[in-house]
Amino acid sequence: MTAVAERLGVDHSSLYRHVGNRAELLVVAADLAMAGLDLQSDAPHWRGYLEVLAGALWSLYRRHPGLADILRTMEMTPPSAVRAFAEVVRRLESFGFTRPNAVLVLDSIVDMTTDSVSGWRRLARRGRAGKRVGDSIVASWTAAAREAGGTLAPQIDEFAAVLTGDPETWWRRKLGLLLDGAEVLLARQTR
């Protein structure tokens, strides 16, 4: 807390007048960051709307490194995130989703995006030996491919290639899969 107060240019006792502890400070910081999520999109179709929204969430997490990790460990959801979630659900309802299905689709996109950002950040971290964690993980997959020989090596190599590829490209493929599923869900509810 002292370092945060110094960074803000205030006395640390002043900081404690606004937040009681580190957990409260994280909620305030996450709330402020989440308030910057741009939910405005004039996309005329639900899929385009969700693609824009998911891209905005991905960008928000990239602008605020660690936010995705922090959100997973918080004991409460920042108020701006709750409001944003409700606004998006309401917009999905206007596109024809039932409320339960709108919640399911949005929660799936948020979870997948948050987990993806956290996972890729983990791969970029340095381990005990100073090597990137991702390098060690890829090495374990490569070793498993060699041990498997010709029987499973191509399948193992395929995922190793994912781990060394572009995170956003892989995330967008996952998003496409989720949106394809949402399309099926929407079609089923209108039968």
C-alpha atoms as a PDB file:
ATOM      1  CA  MET A   1       0.000   0.000   0.000  1.00  0.00           C
ATOM      2  CA  THR A   2       2.906   2.325   0.701  1.00  0.00           C
ATOM      3  CA  ALA A   3       4.246   1.880  -2.835  1.00  0.00           C
ATOM      4  CA  VAL A   4       0.804   2.587  -4.306  1.00  0.00           C
ATOM      5  CA  ALA A   5       0.480   5.751  -2.208  1.00  0.00           C
ATOM      6  CA  GLU A   6       3.922   6.885  -3.357  1.00  0.00           C
ATOM      7  CA  ARG A   7       3.004   6.220  -6.984  1.00  0.00           C
ATOM      8  CA  LEU A   8      -0.164   8.267  -6.545  1.00  0.00           C
ATOM      9  CA  GLY A   9       1.779  11.037  -4.848  1.00  0.00           C
ATOM     10  CA  VAL A  10      -0.159  10.863  -1.598  1.00  0.00           C
ATOM     11  CA  ASP A  11       0.624   9.915   1.957  1.00  0.00           C
ATOM     12  CA  HIS A  12      -0.213   6.269   2.646  1.00  0.00           C
ATOM     13  CA  SER A  13      -2.488   7.342   5.521  1.00  0.00           C
ATOM     14  CA  SER A  14      -4.505   9.316   2.943  1.00  0.00           C
ATOM     15  CA  LEU A  15      -4.920   6.165   0.896  1.00  0.00           C
ATOM     16  CA  TYR A  16      -6.286   4.316   3.938  1.00  0.00           C
ATOM     17  CA  ARG A  17      -9.014   6.949   4.293  1.00  0.00           C
ATOM     18  CA  HIS A  18     -10.434   5.700   0.989  1.00  0.00           C
ATOM     19  CA  VAL A  19      -9.669   1.986   1.134  1.00  0.00           C
ATOM     20  CA  GLY A  20      -9.245  -0.221   4.166  1.00  0.00           C
ATOM     21  CA  ASN A  21      -6.862  -2.787   2.733  1.00  0.00           C
ATOM     22  CA  ARG A  22      -5.242  -4.235  -0.377  1.00  0.00           C
ATOM     23  CA  ALA A  23      -8.374  -6.203  -1.340  1.00  0.00           C
ATOM     24  CA  GLU A  24     -10.490  -3.033  -1.342  1.00  0.00           C
ATOM     25  CA  LEU A  25      -7.843  -1.208  -3.348  1.00  0.00           C
ATOM     26  CA  LEU A  26      -7.911  -3.971  -5.961  1.00  0.00           C
ATOM     27  CA  VAL A  27     -11.704  -3.733  -6.226  1.00  0.00           C
ATOM     28  CA  VAL A  28     -11.497   0.044  -6.721  1.00  0.00           C
ATOM     29  CA  ALA A  29      -8.723  -0.310  -9.314  1.00  0.00           C
ATOM     30  CA  ALA A  30     -10.534  -3.115 -11.164  1.00  0.00           C
ATOM     31  CA  ASP A  31     -13.780  -1.134 -11.049  1.00  0.00           C
ATOM     32  CA  LEU A  32     -12.040   1.857 -12.593  1.00  0.00           C
ATOM     33  CA  ALA A  33     -10.463  -0.296 -15.307  1.00  0.00           C
ATOM     34  CA  MET A  34     -13.732  -2.113 -16.079  1.00  0.00           C
ATOM     35  CA  ALA A  35     -15.546   1.224 -16.327  1.00  0.00           C
ATOM     36  CA  GLY A  36     -13.343   1.847 -19.376  1.00  0.00           C
ATOM     37  CA  LEU A  37     -14.837  -1.113 -21.244  1.00  0.00           C
ATOM     38  CA  ASP A  38     -16.535   0.256 -24.344  1.00  0.00           C
ATOM     39  CA  LEU A  39     -19.899  -1.462 -24.723  1.00  0.00           C
ATOM     40  CA  GLN A  40     -21.079   0.754 -27.542  1.00  0.00           C
ATOM     41  CA  SER A  41     -21.460  -0.960 -30.858  1.00  0.00           C
ATOM     42  CA  ASP A  42     -23.921  -0.280 -33.623  1.00  0.00           C
ATOM     43  CA  ALA A  43     -23.522  -3.795 -34.996  1.00  0.00           C
ATOM     44  CA  PRO A  44     -26.908  -4.782 -36.446  1.00  0.00           C
ATOM     45  CA  HIS A  45     -26.451  -8.482 -35.667  1.00  0.00           C
ATOM     46  CA  TRP A  46     -25.763 -10.210 -32.354  1.00  0.00           C
ATOM     47  CA  ARG A  47     -22.665 -11.990 -33.638  1.00  0.00           C
ATOM     48  CA  GLY A  48     -20.978  -8.783 -34.762  1.00  0.00           C
ATOM     49  CA  TYR A  49     -21.977  -7.148 -31.491  1.00  0.00           C
ATOM     50  CA  LEU A  50     -20.386  -9.942 -29.452  1.00  0.00           C
ATOM     51  CA  GLU A  51     -17.248  -9.944 -31.608  1.00  0.00           C
ATOM     52  CA  VAL A  52     -16.807  -6.217 -30.955  1.00  0.00           C
ATOM     53  CA  LEU A  53     -17.538  -6.638 -27.258  1.00  0.00           C
ATOM     54  CA  ALA A  54     -15.159  -9.596 -26.861  1.00  0.00           C
ATOM     55  CA  GLY A  55     -12.457  -7.673 -28.718  1.00  0.00           C
ATOM     56  CA  ALA A  56     -12.972  -4.728 -26.356  1.00  0.00           C
ATOM     57  CA  LEU A  57     -12.588  -7.056 -23.360  1.00  0.00           C
ATOM     58  CA  TRP A  58      -9.421  -8.619 -24.840  1.00  0.00           C
ATOM     59  CA  SER A  59      -8.005  -5.121 -25.429  1.00  0.00           C
ATOM     60  CA  LEU A  60      -8.937  -4.002 -21.912  1.00  0.00           C
ATOM     61  CA  TYR A  61      -7.041  -6.934 -20.433  1.00  0.00           C
ATOM     62  CA  ARG A  62      -4.046  -6.209 -22.650  1.00  0.00           C
ATOM     63  CA  ARG A  63      -4.045  -2.517 -21.593  1.00  0.00           C
ATOM     64  CA  HIS A  64      -4.237  -3.510 -17.933  1.00  0.00           C
ATOM     65  CA  PRO A  65      -1.820  -6.432 -17.451  1.00  0.00           C
ATOM     66  CA  GLY A  66      -2.849  -8.501 -14.461  1.00  0.00           C
ATOM     67  CA  LEU A  67      -6.512  -7.408 -14.479  1.00  0.00           C
ATOM     68  CA  ALA A  68      -7.722 -10.789 -15.733  1.00  0.00           C
ATOM     69  CA  ASP A  69      -5.690 -12.546 -13.015  1.00  0.00           C
ATOM     70  CA  ILE A  70      -6.963 -10.217 -10.295  1.00  0.00           C
ATOM     71  CA  LEU A  71     -10.594 -10.619 -11.318  1.00  0.00           C
ATOM     72  CA  ARG A  72     -10.243 -14.384 -10.844  1.00  0.00           C
ATOM     73  CA  THR A  73      -9.037 -13.960  -7.243  1.00  0.00           C
ATOM     74  CA  MET A  74     -11.331 -11.177  -6.004  1.00  0.00           C
ATOM     75  CA  GLU A  75     -13.989 -11.896  -3.411  1.00  0.00           C
ATOM     76  CA  MET A  76     -16.437  -9.544  -5.108  1.00  0.00           C
ATOM     77  CA  THR A  77     -17.151  -8.355  -8.624  1.00  0.00           C
ATOM     78  CA  PRO A  78     -16.470  -4.681  -9.309  1.00  0.00           C
ATOM     79  CA  PRO A  79     -19.738  -2.731  -9.684  1.00  0.00           C
ATOM     80  CA  SER A  80     -18.843  -1.495 -13.187  1.00  0.00           C
ATOM     81  CA  ALA A  81     -18.380  -5.127 -14.306  1.00  0.00           C
ATOM     82  CA  VAL A  82     -21.804  -6.074 -12.908  1.00  0.00           C
ATOM     83  CA  ARG A  83     -23.452  -3.165 -14.737  1.00  0.00           C
ATOM     84  CA  ALA A  84     -21.612  -3.966 -17.972  1.00  0.00           C
ATOM     85  CA  PHE A  85     -22.671  -7.610 -17.759  1.00  0.00           C
ATOM     86  CA  ALA A  86     -26.325  -6.628 -17.272  1.00  0.00           C
ATOM     87  CA  GLU A  87     -26.214  -4.131 -20.154  1.00  0.00           C
ATOM     88  CA  VAL A  88     -24.816  -6.738 -22.526  1.00  0.00           C
ATOM     89  CA  VAL A  89     -27.390  -9.328 -21.433  1.00  0.00           C
ATOM     90  CA  ARG A  90     -30.152  -6.789 -22.086  1.00  0.00           C
ATOM     91  CA  ARG A  91     -28.705  -6.103 -25.549  1.00  0.00           C
ATOM     92  CA  LEU A  92     -28.553  -9.833 -26.307  1.00  0.00           C
ATOM     93  CA  GLU A  93     -32.198 -10.111 -25.266  1.00  0.00           C
ATOM     94  CA  SER A  94     -32.991  -7.403 -27.826  1.00  0.00           C
ATOM     95  CA  PHE A  95     -31.344  -9.653 -30.449  1.00  0.00           C
ATOM     96  CA  GLY A  96     -33.733 -12.480 -29.512  1.00  0.00           C
ATOM     97  CA  PHE A  97     -31.832 -14.475 -26.887  1.00  0.00           C
ATOM     98  CA  THR A  98     -33.756 -15.571 -23.841  1.00  0.00           C
ATOM     99  CA  ARG A  99     -32.299 -14.112 -20.665  1.00  0.00           C
ATOM    100  CA  PRO A 100     -30.862 -17.459 -19.449  1.00  0.00           C
ATOM    101  CA  ASN A 101     -29.238 -18.052 -22.843  1.00  0.00           C
ATOM    102  CA  ALA A 102     -27.899 -14.484 -23.008  1.00  0.00           C
ATOM    103  CA  VAL A 103     -26.308 -14.973 -19.586  1.00  0.00           C
ATOM    104  CA  LEU A 104     -24.855 -18.343 -20.650  1.00  0.00           C
ATOM    105  CA  VAL A 105     -23.345 -16.968 -23.864  1.00  0.00           C
ATOM    106  CA  LEU A 106     -21.898 -13.855 -22.240  1.00  0.00           C
ATOM    107  CA  ASP A 107     -20.527 -15.730 -19.222  1.00  0.00           C
ATOM    108  CA  SER A 108     -18.866 -18.230 -21.568  1.00  0.00           C
ATOM    109  CA  ILE A 109     -17.215 -15.450 -23.588  1.00  0.00           C
ATOM    110  CA  VAL A 110     -16.042 -13.610 -20.478  1.00  0.00           C
ATOM    111  CA  ASP A 111     -14.682 -16.811 -18.905  1.00  0.00           C
ATOM    112  CA  MET A 112     -12.912 -17.912 -22.070  1.00  0.00           C
ATOM    113  CA  THR A 113     -11.399 -14.473 -22.656  1.00  0.00           C
ATOM    114  CA  THR A 114     -10.313 -14.023 -19.041  1.00  0.00           C
ATOM    115  CA  ASP A 115      -8.824 -17.517 -18.893  1.00  0.00           C
ATOM    116  CA  SER A 116      -7.068 -17.055 -22.245  1.00  0.00           C
ATOM    117  CA  VAL A 117      -5.423 -13.794 -21.209  1.00  0.00           C
ATOM    118  CA  SER A 118      -4.381 -15.268 -17.858  1.00  0.00           C
ATOM    119  CA  GLY A 119      -3.035 -18.402 -19.505  1.00  0.00           C
ATOM    120  CA  TRP A 120      -0.957 -16.553 -22.080  1.00  0.00           C
ATOM    121  CA  ARG A 121       0.400 -14.236 -19.361  1.00  0.00           C
ATOM    122  CA  ARG A 122       1.427 -17.318 -17.392  1.00  0.00           C
ATOM    123  CA  LEU A 123       3.297 -18.667 -20.413  1.00  0.00           C
ATOM    124  CA  ALA A 124       5.229 -15.389 -20.706  1.00  0.00           C
ATOM    125  CA  ARG A 125       6.391 -15.393 -17.070  1.00  0.00           C
ATOM    126  CA  ARG A 126       9.876 -16.427 -16.075  1.00  0.00           C
ATOM    127  CA  GLY A 127      10.287 -19.604 -14.065  1.00  0.00           C
ATOM    128  CA  ARG A 128      12.851 -20.471 -11.396  1.00  0.00           C
ATOM    129  CA  ALA A 129      15.633 -21.029 -13.906  1.00  0.00           C
ATOM    130  CA  GLY A 130      14.913 -17.706 -15.605  1.00  0.00           C
ATOM    131  CA  LYS A 131      13.365 -19.392 -18.646  1.00  0.00           C
ATOM    132  CA  ARG A 132       9.924 -18.456 -19.909  1.00  0.00           C
ATOM    133  CA  VAL A 133       7.313 -20.857 -18.531  1.00  0.00           C
ATOM    134  CA  GLY A 134       5.940 -21.218 -22.052  1.00  0.00           C
ATOM    135  CA  ASP A 135       9.312 -22.438 -23.329  1.00  0.00           C
ATOM    136  CA  SER A 136       9.362 -25.179 -20.695  1.00  0.00           C
ATOM    137  CA  ILE A 137       5.800 -26.207 -21.464  1.00  0.00           C
ATOM    138  CA  VAL A 138       6.464 -26.340 -25.218  1.00  0.00           C
ATOM    139  CA  ALA A 139       9.592 -28.402 -24.519  1.00  0.00           C
ATOM    140  CA  SER A 140       7.486 -30.897 -22.547  1.00  0.00           C
ATOM    141  CA  TRP A 141       5.042 -31.212 -25.454  1.00  0.00           C
ATOM    142  CA  THR A 142       7.885 -31.599 -27.946  1.00  0.00           C
ATOM    143  CA  ALA A 143       9.488 -34.296 -25.773  1.00  0.00           C
ATOM    144  CA  ALA A 144       6.141 -36.097 -25.532  1.00  0.00           C
ATOM    145  CA  ALA A 145       5.817 -35.961 -29.330  1.00  0.00           C
ATOM    146  CA  ARG A 146       9.253 -37.560 -29.742  1.00  0.00           C
ATOM    147  CA  GLU A 147       8.359 -40.284 -27.230  1.00  0.00           C
ATOM    148  CA  ALA A 148       5.040 -40.959 -28.947  1.00  0.00           C
ATOM    149  CA  GLY A 149       6.776 -41.455 -32.254  1.00  0.00           C
ATOM    150  CA  GLY A 150       4.617 -41.448 -35.350  1.00  0.00           C
ATOM    151  CA  THR A 151       1.424 -42.493 -33.624  1.00  0.00           C
ATOM    152  CA  LEU A 152       0.530 -39.299 -31.757  1.00  0.00           C
ATOM    153  CA  ALA A 153       3.352 -36.914 -32.660  1.00  0.00           C
ATOM    154  CA  PRO A 154       1.348 -34.930 -35.254  1.00  0.00           C
ATOM    155  CA  GLN A 155      -1.454 -34.278 -32.770  1.00  0.00           C
ATOM    156  CA  ILE A 156       0.974 -33.273 -30.024  1.00  0.00           C
ATOM    157  CA  ASP A 157       2.948 -31.065 -32.423  1.00  0.00           C
ATOM    158  CA  GLU A 158      -0.272 -29.328 -33.452  1.00  0.00           C
ATOM    159  CA  PHE A 159      -0.877 -28.070 -29.917  1.00  0.00           C
ATOM    160  CA  ALA A 160       2.784 -27.204 -29.415  1.00  0.00           C
ATOM    161  CA  ALA A 161       2.395 -24.962 -32.468  1.00  0.00           C
ATOM    162  CA  VAL A 162      -0.559 -23.271 -30.777  1.00  0.00           C
ATOM    163  CA  LEU A 163       1.584 -22.558 -27.719  1.00  0.00           C
ATOM    164  CA  THR A 164       4.213 -20.833 -29.844  1.00  0.00           C
ATOM    165  CA  GLY A 165       1.723 -19.015 -32.053  1.00  0.00           C
ATOM    166  CA  ASP A 166      -0.107 -15.727 -31.738  1.00  0.00           C
ATOM    167  CA  PRO A 167      -2.334 -15.635 -28.620  1.00  0.00           C
ATOM    168  CA  GLU A 168      -4.965 -13.385 -30.168  1.00  0.00           C
ATOM    169  CA  THR A 169      -5.327 -15.548 -33.267  1.00  0.00           C
ATOM    170  CA  TRP A 170      -5.954 -18.641 -31.133  1.00  0.00           C
ATOM    171  CA  TRP A 171      -8.338 -16.709 -28.871  1.00  0.00           C
ATOM    172  CA  ARG A 172     -10.314 -15.512 -31.914  1.00  0.00           C
ATOM    173  CA  ARG A 173     -10.671 -19.130 -33.102  1.00  0.00           C
ATOM    174  CA  LYS A 174     -12.040 -20.074 -29.682  1.00  0.00           C
ATOM    175  CA  LEU A 175     -14.399 -17.094 -29.809  1.00  0.00           C
ATOM    176  CA  GLY A 176     -15.641 -18.250 -33.201  1.00  0.00           C
ATOM    177  CA  LEU A 177     -16.375 -21.682 -31.774  1.00  0.00           C
ATOM    178  CA  LEU A 178     -18.335 -20.148 -28.903  1.00  0.00           C
ATOM    179  CA  LEU A 179     -20.293 -17.904 -31.255  1.00  0.00           C
ATOM    180  CA  ASP A 180     -21.093 -20.866 -33.510  1.00  0.00           C
ATOM    181  CA  GLY A 181     -22.499 -22.603 -30.440  1.00  0.00           C
ATOM    182  CA  ALA A 182     -24.484 -19.478 -29.534  1.00  0.00           C
ATOM    183  CA  GLU A 183     -25.994 -19.534 -33.016  1.00  0.00           C
ATOM    184  CA  VAL A 184     -27.178 -23.103 -32.489  1.00  0.00           C
ATOM    185  CA  LEU A 185     -28.543 -22.162 -29.068  1.00  0.00           C
ATOM    186  CA  LEU A 186     -30.473 -19.211 -30.528  1.00  0.00           C
ATOM    187  CA  ALA A 187     -31.902 -21.391 -33.317  1.00  0.00           C
ATOM    188  CA  ARG A 188     -33.068 -24.030 -30.832  1.00  0.00           C
ATOM    189  CA  GLN A 189     -34.882 -21.537 -28.620  1.00  0.00           C
ATOM    190  CA  THR A 190     -36.896 -20.179 -31.548  1.00  0.00           C
ATOM    191  CA  ARG A 191     -38.239 -23.564 -32.642  1.00  0.00           C
END
